[in-house]
């Protein structure tokens, strides 16, 4: 059984981004695991396993432009299904 169903990945483009602040906010406010927030002041790559990816997207969109968004259902992957 997978605790967190959705593998959520995206890029955030903005000004004055802080990977540590983004990491801490997500870790404290959204349930999930396997969190990575890596980048610099202008662009952050985010990876997170969660059951509520829309909340993560909403937060990230408040920081700047989000793009290259990928949300994969890991339970379907585990069953060998596509999509």
N, C-alpha and C. Protein backbone atom coordinates (compact mmCIF):
# COMPACT_ATOMS: atom_id res chain seq x y z
N UNK A 1 0.84 -1.19 0.00
CA UNK A 1 0.00 0.00 0.00
C UNK A 1 0.89 1.25 0.00
N UNK A 2 0.55 2.17 -0.84
CA UNK A 2 1.29 3.43 -0.95
C UNK A 2 0.62 4.47 -0.05
N UNK A 3 1.39 5.08 0.85
CA UNK A 3 0.84 6.08 1.76
C UNK A 3 0.46 7.37 1.03
N UNK A 4 1.31 7.77 0.09
CA UNK A 4 1.07 9.01 -0.65
C UNK A 4 1.01 8.67 -2.13
N UNK A 5 -0.14 8.91 -2.71
CA UNK A 5 -0.50 8.39 -4.03
C UNK A 5 0.16 9.13 -5.20
N UNK A 6 0.33 10.44 -5.08
CA UNK A 6 0.75 11.23 -6.25
C UNK A 6 2.20 11.71 -6.16
N UNK A 7 2.96 11.39 -7.18
CA UNK A 7 4.31 11.91 -7.36
C UNK A 7 4.15 13.25 -8.07
N UNK A 8 4.45 14.32 -7.38
CA UNK A 8 4.22 15.68 -7.87
C UNK A 8 5.57 16.34 -8.15
N UNK A 9 5.74 16.80 -9.40
CA UNK A 9 6.99 17.45 -9.79
C UNK A 9 6.66 18.70 -10.59
N UNK A 10 7.45 19.74 -10.38
CA UNK A 10 7.25 20.98 -11.13
C UNK A 10 8.45 21.89 -10.97
N UNK A 11 8.45 22.92 -11.77
CA UNK A 11 9.44 24.00 -11.67
C UNK A 11 8.71 25.28 -11.27
N UNK A 12 9.35 26.06 -10.41
CA UNK A 12 8.84 27.37 -10.01
C UNK A 12 9.85 28.40 -10.49
N UNK A 13 9.38 29.39 -11.25
CA UNK A 13 10.24 30.47 -11.70
C UNK A 13 9.76 31.76 -11.05
N UNK A 14 10.68 32.49 -10.44
CA UNK A 14 10.31 33.74 -9.78
C UNK A 14 11.54 34.52 -9.40
N UNK A 15 11.36 35.44 -8.49
CA UNK A 15 12.46 36.28 -8.00
C UNK A 15 12.59 36.09 -6.49
N UNK A 16 13.82 35.97 -6.02
CA UNK A 16 14.07 35.85 -4.60
C UNK A 16 13.55 34.56 -3.98
N UNK A 17 13.50 33.49 -4.77
CA UNK A 17 13.05 32.19 -4.24
C UNK A 17 14.09 31.63 -3.28
N UNK A 18 13.62 30.96 -2.25
CA UNK A 18 14.51 30.37 -1.25
C UNK A 18 14.14 28.90 -1.08
N UNK A 19 15.00 28.00 -1.54
CA UNK A 19 14.69 26.57 -1.50
C UNK A 19 14.45 26.06 -0.09
N UNK A 20 15.17 26.60 0.89
CA UNK A 20 14.98 26.16 2.28
C UNK A 20 13.62 26.58 2.82
N UNK A 21 13.20 27.81 2.54
CA UNK A 21 11.89 28.29 2.98
C UNK A 21 10.77 27.49 2.32
N UNK A 22 10.91 27.22 1.03
CA UNK A 22 9.89 26.44 0.31
C UNK A 22 9.82 25.03 0.88
N UNK A 23 10.97 24.41 1.09
CA UNK A 23 11.02 23.06 1.65
C UNK A 23 10.33 23.05 3.02
N UNK A 24 10.71 23.97 3.89
CA UNK A 24 10.16 24.01 5.24
C UNK A 24 8.65 24.23 5.23
N UNK A 25 8.17 25.15 4.38
CA UNK A 25 6.73 25.43 4.32
C UNK A 25 5.96 24.19 3.89
N UNK A 26 6.43 23.53 2.85
CA UNK A 26 5.73 22.34 2.36
C UNK A 26 5.77 21.23 3.41
N UNK A 27 6.91 21.00 4.01
CA UNK A 27 7.04 19.94 5.02
C UNK A 27 6.13 20.19 6.22
N UNK A 28 5.94 21.44 6.58
CA UNK A 28 5.13 21.79 7.75
C UNK A 28 3.63 21.86 7.46
N UNK A 29 3.25 22.09 6.19
CA UNK A 29 1.85 22.37 5.88
C UNK A 29 1.14 21.33 5.03
N UNK A 30 1.88 20.43 4.40
CA UNK A 30 1.25 19.42 3.53
C UNK A 30 1.79 18.05 3.89
N UNK A 31 0.91 17.09 4.05
CA UNK A 31 1.33 15.73 4.34
C UNK A 31 1.93 15.09 3.09
N UNK A 32 3.05 14.38 3.28
CA UNK A 32 3.69 13.70 2.17
C UNK A 32 5.06 13.22 2.57
N UNK A 33 5.82 12.75 1.56
CA UNK A 33 7.20 12.33 1.80
C UNK A 33 8.02 12.51 0.53
N UNK A 34 9.28 12.19 0.62
CA UNK A 34 10.23 12.29 -0.50
C UNK A 34 10.33 13.70 -1.06
N UNK A 35 10.34 14.69 -0.19
CA UNK A 35 10.38 16.09 -0.60
C UNK A 35 11.78 16.51 -1.02
N UNK A 36 11.85 17.15 -2.18
CA UNK A 36 13.06 17.81 -2.66
C UNK A 36 12.67 19.19 -3.18
N UNK A 37 13.42 20.20 -2.80
CA UNK A 37 13.27 21.55 -3.33
C UNK A 37 14.69 22.05 -3.58
N UNK A 38 15.05 22.11 -4.86
CA UNK A 38 16.44 22.40 -5.23
C UNK A 38 16.45 23.50 -6.29
N UNK A 39 17.35 24.47 -6.11
CA UNK A 39 17.48 25.50 -7.13
C UNK A 39 18.21 26.71 -6.62
N UNK A 40 17.81 27.87 -7.15
CA UNK A 40 18.45 29.12 -6.77
C UNK A 40 17.38 30.21 -6.62
N UNK A 41 17.79 31.47 -6.64
CA UNK A 41 16.86 32.58 -6.43
C UNK A 41 15.81 32.72 -7.52
N UNK A 42 16.08 32.16 -8.71
CA UNK A 42 15.21 32.36 -9.86
C UNK A 42 14.39 31.14 -10.26
N UNK A 43 14.86 29.95 -9.91
CA UNK A 43 14.13 28.74 -10.31
C UNK A 43 14.35 27.62 -9.29
N UNK A 44 13.25 26.94 -8.97
CA UNK A 44 13.28 25.83 -8.01
C UNK A 44 12.63 24.62 -8.66
N UNK A 45 13.29 23.48 -8.54
CA UNK A 45 12.72 22.19 -8.94
C UNK A 45 12.12 21.57 -7.69
N UNK A 46 10.85 21.20 -7.75
CA UNK A 46 10.17 20.60 -6.61
C UNK A 46 9.73 19.19 -6.94
N UNK A 47 9.91 18.29 -5.99
CA UNK A 47 9.47 16.90 -6.09
C UNK A 47 8.85 16.54 -4.75
N UNK A 48 7.62 15.95 -4.77
CA UNK A 48 6.95 15.62 -3.51
C UNK A 48 5.91 14.53 -3.76
N UNK A 49 5.83 13.58 -2.84
CA UNK A 49 4.79 12.56 -2.86
C UNK A 49 3.71 13.01 -1.88
N UNK A 50 2.47 13.13 -2.34
CA UNK A 50 1.37 13.63 -1.52
C UNK A 50 0.05 13.08 -2.03
N UNK A 51 -0.98 13.18 -1.22
CA UNK A 51 -2.33 12.80 -1.65
C UNK A 51 -3.13 14.01 -2.12
N UNK A 52 -2.58 15.21 -1.95
CA UNK A 52 -3.27 16.43 -2.32
C UNK A 52 -2.36 17.35 -3.15
N UNK A 53 -2.03 16.93 -4.35
CA UNK A 53 -1.09 17.73 -5.16
C UNK A 53 -1.63 19.11 -5.50
N UNK A 54 -2.94 19.27 -5.57
CA UNK A 54 -3.52 20.57 -5.91
C UNK A 54 -3.17 21.62 -4.87
N UNK A 55 -3.02 21.23 -3.60
CA UNK A 55 -2.63 22.18 -2.56
C UNK A 55 -1.18 22.62 -2.74
N UNK A 56 -0.33 21.69 -3.12
CA UNK A 56 1.08 22.01 -3.38
C UNK A 56 1.17 22.94 -4.60
N UNK A 57 0.41 22.65 -5.64
CA UNK A 57 0.41 23.50 -6.84
C UNK A 57 -0.06 24.91 -6.51
N UNK A 58 -1.10 25.02 -5.71
CA UNK A 58 -1.63 26.33 -5.34
C UNK A 58 -0.57 27.14 -4.58
N UNK A 59 0.09 26.51 -3.63
CA UNK A 59 1.15 27.20 -2.89
C UNK A 59 2.27 27.63 -3.83
N UNK A 60 2.75 26.72 -4.64
CA UNK A 60 3.86 27.03 -5.55
C UNK A 60 3.51 28.14 -6.52
N UNK A 61 2.26 28.16 -7.00
CA UNK A 61 1.81 29.21 -7.92
C UNK A 61 1.81 30.57 -7.24
N UNK A 62 1.69 30.59 -5.91
CA UNK A 62 1.72 31.87 -5.19
C UNK A 62 3.13 32.45 -5.13
N UNK A 63 4.14 31.63 -5.44
CA UNK A 63 5.54 32.05 -5.37
C UNK A 63 6.08 32.57 -6.70
N UNK A 64 5.44 32.17 -7.80
CA UNK A 64 5.91 32.55 -9.13
C UNK A 64 5.20 31.72 -10.17
N UNK A 65 5.76 31.70 -11.36
CA UNK A 65 5.17 30.91 -12.45
C UNK A 65 5.55 29.45 -12.26
N UNK A 66 4.57 28.55 -12.37
CA UNK A 66 4.86 27.12 -12.30
C UNK A 66 4.71 26.52 -13.69
N UNK A 67 5.60 25.58 -14.01
CA UNK A 67 5.55 24.92 -15.32
C UNK A 67 6.25 23.58 -15.24
N UNK A 68 6.24 22.86 -16.35
CA UNK A 68 6.75 21.48 -16.40
C UNK A 68 6.15 20.64 -15.27
N UNK A 69 4.84 20.75 -15.12
CA UNK A 69 4.12 20.08 -14.04
C UNK A 69 3.85 18.63 -14.44
N UNK A 70 4.23 17.72 -13.55
CA UNK A 70 3.98 16.29 -13.75
C UNK A 70 3.39 15.75 -12.45
N UNK A 71 2.22 15.14 -12.57
CA UNK A 71 1.59 14.49 -11.42
C UNK A 71 1.27 13.07 -11.86
N UNK A 72 1.92 12.11 -11.24
CA UNK A 72 1.74 10.71 -11.60
C UNK A 72 1.12 9.94 -10.44
N UNK A 73 0.17 9.09 -10.77
CA UNK A 73 -0.50 8.24 -9.79
C UNK A 73 0.37 7.01 -9.56
N UNK A 74 1.07 6.99 -8.43
CA UNK A 74 2.03 5.91 -8.17
C UNK A 74 1.34 4.58 -7.88
N UNK A 75 0.08 4.59 -7.45
CA UNK A 75 -0.62 3.32 -7.23
C UNK A 75 -0.91 2.64 -8.57
N UNK A 76 -1.20 3.43 -9.59
CA UNK A 76 -1.38 2.86 -10.93
C UNK A 76 -0.07 2.32 -11.48
N UNK A 77 1.02 3.04 -11.23
CA UNK A 77 2.33 2.57 -11.66
C UNK A 77 2.66 1.24 -10.99
N UNK A 78 2.38 1.12 -9.70
CA UNK A 78 2.68 -0.10 -8.96
C UNK A 78 1.90 -1.28 -9.50
N UNK A 79 0.71 -1.01 -10.06
CA UNK A 79 -0.12 -2.08 -10.64
C UNK A 79 0.23 -2.35 -12.10
N UNK A 80 1.19 -1.59 -12.65
CA UNK A 80 1.58 -1.76 -14.04
C UNK A 80 0.65 -1.11 -15.03
N UNK A 81 -0.19 -0.16 -14.55
CA UNK A 81 -1.14 0.53 -15.41
C UNK A 81 -0.52 1.84 -15.89
N UNK A 82 -1.02 2.33 -17.01
CA UNK A 82 -0.53 3.61 -17.54
C UNK A 82 -1.48 4.72 -17.15
N UNK A 83 -0.93 5.95 -17.12
CA UNK A 83 -1.76 7.12 -16.86
C UNK A 83 -1.81 7.55 -15.43
